[in-house]
Amino acid sequence: MYTPKHFQVTEQQQTISFMQKYSFAAIVTMMNGVPEATHLPFVVEQRGDEVVLLSHFAKANPQVNVVENETSLVVFTEPHAYVSPKHYEKELNVPTWNYIAVHAYGKATLIKDETAVAGLLAKTIGTFEEEYLSQWNKLPEDYKRKMMNGIVAFELAVTDLQAKYKLSQNRSETEQQNMINSFSNSTSANETDIARYMRDLKH
């Protein structure tokens, strides 16, 4: 990912927290020379110094057949905001866009053991709707097995983690504050999130 020095983020915990908050991501893998992407919810785990991404494909998804052999790119991105030149101190300026993006690279390992698949699903439910876990546990075993037979679970050990916070770090203090003030009062969740991240960079 092209990342000028102004926008580089090297603090891994900050990056992981972003991935966990905006965990619906796209996994991209090359298939016959063409990039193939699937949008999935991911459980983001830290195992010592290692970052591991957990998710599952539909069994019919052809990407299943290549993820163990090819390096995949998982793209996490969510809040973004159009930046109008009205926020700048000089008229001689053009619009831009503020955003955050994280790129995680690695090869996936398919999980075939039924108990391990069940464990991954329990982690997923616990991450996104813990209250549902008791209902899931009460469902008939044959029904759960049928559901699990329709998916292919995997985990991906991240070998390269890149984070870009393009939040006007290259602009003046006054200009940054103009954006924060404007975005903070916006009705757009994207803009209020961007304002929060811009404020956090100052502390």
Protein backbone atom coordinates (compact mmCIF):
# COMPACT_ATOMS: atom_id res chain seq x y z
CA MET A 1 0.00 0.00 0.00
CA TYR A 2 1.40 3.38 -0.97
CA THR A 3 1.86 5.22 2.33
CA PRO A 4 3.75 8.53 2.57
CA LYS A 5 5.58 9.07 5.86
CA HIS A 6 2.97 11.56 7.07
CA PHE A 7 0.35 8.82 7.11
CA GLN A 8 2.30 5.78 8.35
CA VAL A 9 1.18 3.99 11.51
CA THR A 10 3.73 1.72 13.17
CA GLU A 11 1.97 1.08 16.51
CA GLN A 12 0.66 -2.47 16.09
CA GLN A 13 -1.87 -2.35 18.93
CA GLN A 14 -3.49 0.71 17.37
CA THR A 15 -3.74 -1.14 14.07
CA ILE A 16 -5.19 -4.29 15.66
CA SER A 17 -7.80 -2.26 17.55
CA PHE A 18 -8.90 -0.70 14.26
CA MET A 19 -9.20 -4.14 12.63
CA GLN A 20 -11.26 -5.44 15.53
CA LYS A 21 -13.60 -2.43 15.39
CA TYR A 22 -14.06 -2.53 11.59
CA SER A 23 -13.85 -6.28 11.18
CA PHE A 24 -15.94 -6.77 8.03
CA ALA A 25 -13.19 -6.92 5.42
CA ALA A 26 -12.37 -8.11 1.90
CA ILE A 27 -9.99 -11.03 1.36
CA VAL A 28 -8.33 -10.85 -2.06
CA THR A 29 -6.50 -13.79 -3.66
CA MET A 30 -5.16 -14.32 -7.18
CA MET A 31 -7.09 -16.90 -9.23
CA ASN A 32 -5.83 -17.68 -12.74
CA GLY A 33 -4.08 -14.33 -12.88
CA VAL A 34 -7.17 -12.37 -11.78
CA PRO A 35 -7.78 -10.97 -8.25
CA GLU A 36 -10.78 -12.61 -6.57
CA ALA A 37 -12.36 -10.95 -3.52
CA THR A 38 -14.81 -12.13 -0.87
CA HIS A 39 -16.28 -9.88 1.83
CA LEU A 40 -16.30 -11.57 5.23
CA PRO A 41 -16.51 -10.87 8.98
CA PHE A 42 -13.18 -11.58 10.68
CA VAL A 43 -12.24 -12.42 14.24
CA VAL A 44 -8.88 -10.72 14.86
CA GLU A 45 -6.72 -12.46 17.45
CA GLN A 46 -3.33 -11.76 18.99
CA ARG A 47 -1.29 -14.84 19.80
CA GLY A 48 1.88 -13.53 21.36
CA ASP A 49 3.53 -11.43 18.67
CA GLU A 50 1.42 -13.02 15.93
CA VAL A 51 -1.81 -11.60 14.48
CA VAL A 52 -4.28 -14.24 13.24
CA LEU A 53 -7.47 -13.66 11.26
CA LEU A 54 -10.32 -16.18 11.56
CA SER A 55 -13.31 -16.49 9.23
CA HIS A 56 -15.13 -18.86 6.89
CA PHE A 57 -16.13 -19.09 3.22
CA ALA A 58 -19.22 -20.62 1.71
CA LYS A 59 -18.10 -24.09 0.60
CA ALA A 60 -19.05 -23.33 -3.04
CA ASN A 61 -16.76 -20.27 -3.15
CA PRO A 62 -13.91 -21.08 -5.61
CA GLN A 63 -11.52 -18.95 -3.56
CA VAL A 64 -11.41 -21.87 -1.13
CA ASN A 65 -9.30 -23.76 -3.67
CA VAL A 66 -6.44 -21.25 -3.78
CA VAL A 67 -6.11 -19.56 -0.38
CA GLU A 68 -3.72 -22.15 1.01
CA ASN A 69 -1.35 -21.83 -1.94
CA GLU A 70 -1.50 -18.11 -2.66
CA THR A 71 -0.75 -15.11 -0.44
CA SER A 72 -3.99 -13.31 0.31
CA LEU A 73 -4.54 -9.63 1.07
CA VAL A 74 -7.23 -8.75 3.63
CA VAL A 75 -8.34 -5.12 3.41
CA PHE A 76 -9.87 -3.44 6.46
CA THR A 77 -11.33 0.01 5.85
CA GLU A 78 -14.38 1.89 7.02
CA PRO A 79 -14.50 5.55 8.09
CA HIS A 80 -13.73 8.05 5.34
CA ALA A 81 -14.64 11.66 4.69
CA TYR A 82 -14.51 14.13 1.83
CA VAL A 83 -12.31 17.10 2.76
CA SER A 84 -13.46 20.37 1.24
CA PRO A 85 -10.97 23.17 0.47
CA LYS A 86 -13.16 25.41 2.66
CA HIS A 87 -11.25 24.02 5.64
CA TYR A 88 -7.92 25.36 4.36
CA GLU A 89 -6.35 28.70 5.12
CA LYS A 90 -5.46 29.48 1.49
CA GLU A 91 -7.82 29.50 -1.47
CA LEU A 92 -5.24 27.84 -3.73
CA ASN A 93 -6.14 24.30 -2.71
CA VAL A 94 -8.08 21.27 -3.98
CA PRO A 95 -10.37 18.71 -2.29
CA THR A 96 -9.06 15.44 -0.91
CA TRP A 97 -10.28 12.49 1.14
CA ASN A 98 -9.41 11.41 4.67
CA TYR A 99 -9.56 7.71 5.48
CA ILE A 100 -8.02 4.79 7.34
CA ALA A 101 -6.98 1.52 5.74
CA VAL A 102 -5.20 -1.60 6.98
CA HIS A 103 -3.74 -4.25 4.67
CA ALA A 104 -2.95 -7.68 6.14
CA TYR A 105 -1.05 -10.24 4.07
CA GLY A 106 -0.64 -13.97 4.66
CA LYS A 107 -1.52 -17.49 3.56
CA ALA A 108 -4.66 -19.10 4.92
CA THR A 109 -4.88 -22.54 6.50
CA LEU A 110 -8.17 -24.37 6.06
CA ILE A 111 -9.70 -25.85 9.21
CA LYS A 112 -11.21 -29.26 8.54
CA ASP A 113 -11.61 -30.77 12.00
CA GLU A 114 -15.28 -30.51 12.99
CA THR A 115 -14.50 -29.67 16.61
CA ALA A 116 -12.12 -26.91 15.53
CA VAL A 117 -14.72 -25.51 13.11
CA ALA A 118 -17.29 -25.47 15.91
CA GLY A 119 -14.79 -23.66 18.10
CA LEU A 120 -14.19 -21.03 15.42
CA LEU A 121 -17.93 -20.46 15.03
CA ALA A 122 -18.30 -20.09 18.79
CA LYS A 123 -15.53 -17.45 18.75
CA THR A 124 -17.26 -15.66 15.91
CA ILE A 125 -20.61 -15.65 17.71
CA GLY A 126 -18.91 -14.52 20.92
CA THR A 127 -17.32 -11.62 19.04
CA PHE A 128 -20.39 -10.36 17.20
CA GLU A 129 -23.37 -11.44 19.34
CA GLU A 130 -22.43 -13.16 22.55
CA GLU A 131 -26.09 -13.38 23.61
CA TYR A 132 -26.80 -15.68 20.67
CA LEU A 133 -24.25 -18.25 21.85
CA SER A 134 -26.65 -19.87 24.34
CA GLN A 135 -29.26 -20.24 21.58
CA TRP A 136 -26.66 -21.70 19.19
CA ASN A 137 -25.60 -24.21 21.82
CA LYS A 138 -29.20 -25.41 22.21
CA LEU A 139 -29.76 -26.04 18.50
CA PRO A 140 -29.96 -29.71 17.42
CA GLU A 141 -26.57 -31.20 16.62
CA ASP A 142 -27.68 -32.44 13.21
CA TYR A 143 -28.83 -28.92 12.27
CA LYS A 144 -25.53 -27.37 13.37
CA ARG A 145 -23.58 -30.06 11.54
CA LYS A 146 -25.58 -29.35 8.37
CA MET A 147 -24.77 -25.63 8.69
CA MET A 148 -21.09 -26.37 9.23
CA ASN A 149 -21.01 -28.66 6.20
CA GLY A 150 -21.90 -25.66 4.07
CA ILE A 151 -18.85 -23.61 5.05
CA VAL A 152 -15.06 -23.82 4.95
CA ALA A 153 -13.40 -22.30 8.01
CA PHE A 154 -9.88 -20.90 7.88
CA GLU A 155 -7.33 -18.91 9.77
CA LEU A 156 -4.72 -16.62 8.27
CA ALA A 157 -1.45 -15.84 10.07
CA VAL A 158 -0.49 -12.29 9.13
CA THR A 159 3.04 -12.01 7.74
CA ASP A 160 2.87 -8.33 6.76
CA LEU A 161 0.65 -5.70 8.38
CA GLN A 162 0.41 -2.23 6.85
CA ALA A 163 -1.64 0.65 8.22
CA LYS A 164 -2.38 4.03 6.68
CA TYR A 165 -4.10 6.83 8.59
CA LYS A 166 -4.60 9.62 6.04
CA LEU A 167 -5.98 12.23 8.42
CA SER A 168 -4.50 15.53 7.20
CA GLN A 169 -1.34 15.15 9.29
CA ASN A 170 0.43 17.20 6.59
CA ARG A 171 -1.89 20.20 7.07
CA SER A 172 -1.57 23.06 9.54
CA GLU A 173 -2.91 22.89 13.08
CA THR A 174 -5.63 25.42 12.20
CA GLU A 175 -6.74 23.46 9.16
CA GLN A 176 -6.85 20.21 11.08
CA GLN A 177 -8.95 21.83 13.78
CA ASN A 178 -11.32 23.26 11.16
CA MET A 179 -11.94 19.72 9.89
CA ILE A 180 -12.37 18.27 13.38
CA ASN A 181 -14.91 20.95 14.28
CA SER A 182 -16.86 20.44 11.07
CA PHE A 183 -16.82 16.64 11.12
CA SER A 184 -17.67 16.46 14.84
CA ASN A 185 -20.95 18.29 14.18
CA SER A 186 -21.84 16.21 11.13
CA THR A 187 -24.80 13.84 10.88
CA SER A 188 -22.55 11.39 9.01
CA ALA A 189 -21.16 8.57 11.18
CA ASN A 190 -18.15 8.38 8.86
CA GLU A 191 -17.31 12.03 9.45
CA THR A 192 -17.75 11.88 13.22
CA ASP A 193 -15.52 8.78 13.31
CA ILE A 194 -12.86 10.56 11.25
CA ALA A 195 -13.04 13.53 13.65
CA ARG A 196 -12.50 11.19 16.59
CA TYR A 197 -9.48 9.57 14.97
CA MET A 198 -8.06 12.99 14.11
CA ARG A 199 -8.46 14.10 17.72
CA ASP A 200 -6.81 10.92 18.98
CA LEU A 201 -3.74 11.58 16.84
CA LYS A 202 -3.18 14.82 18.70
CA HIS A 203 -2.93 13.11 22.10
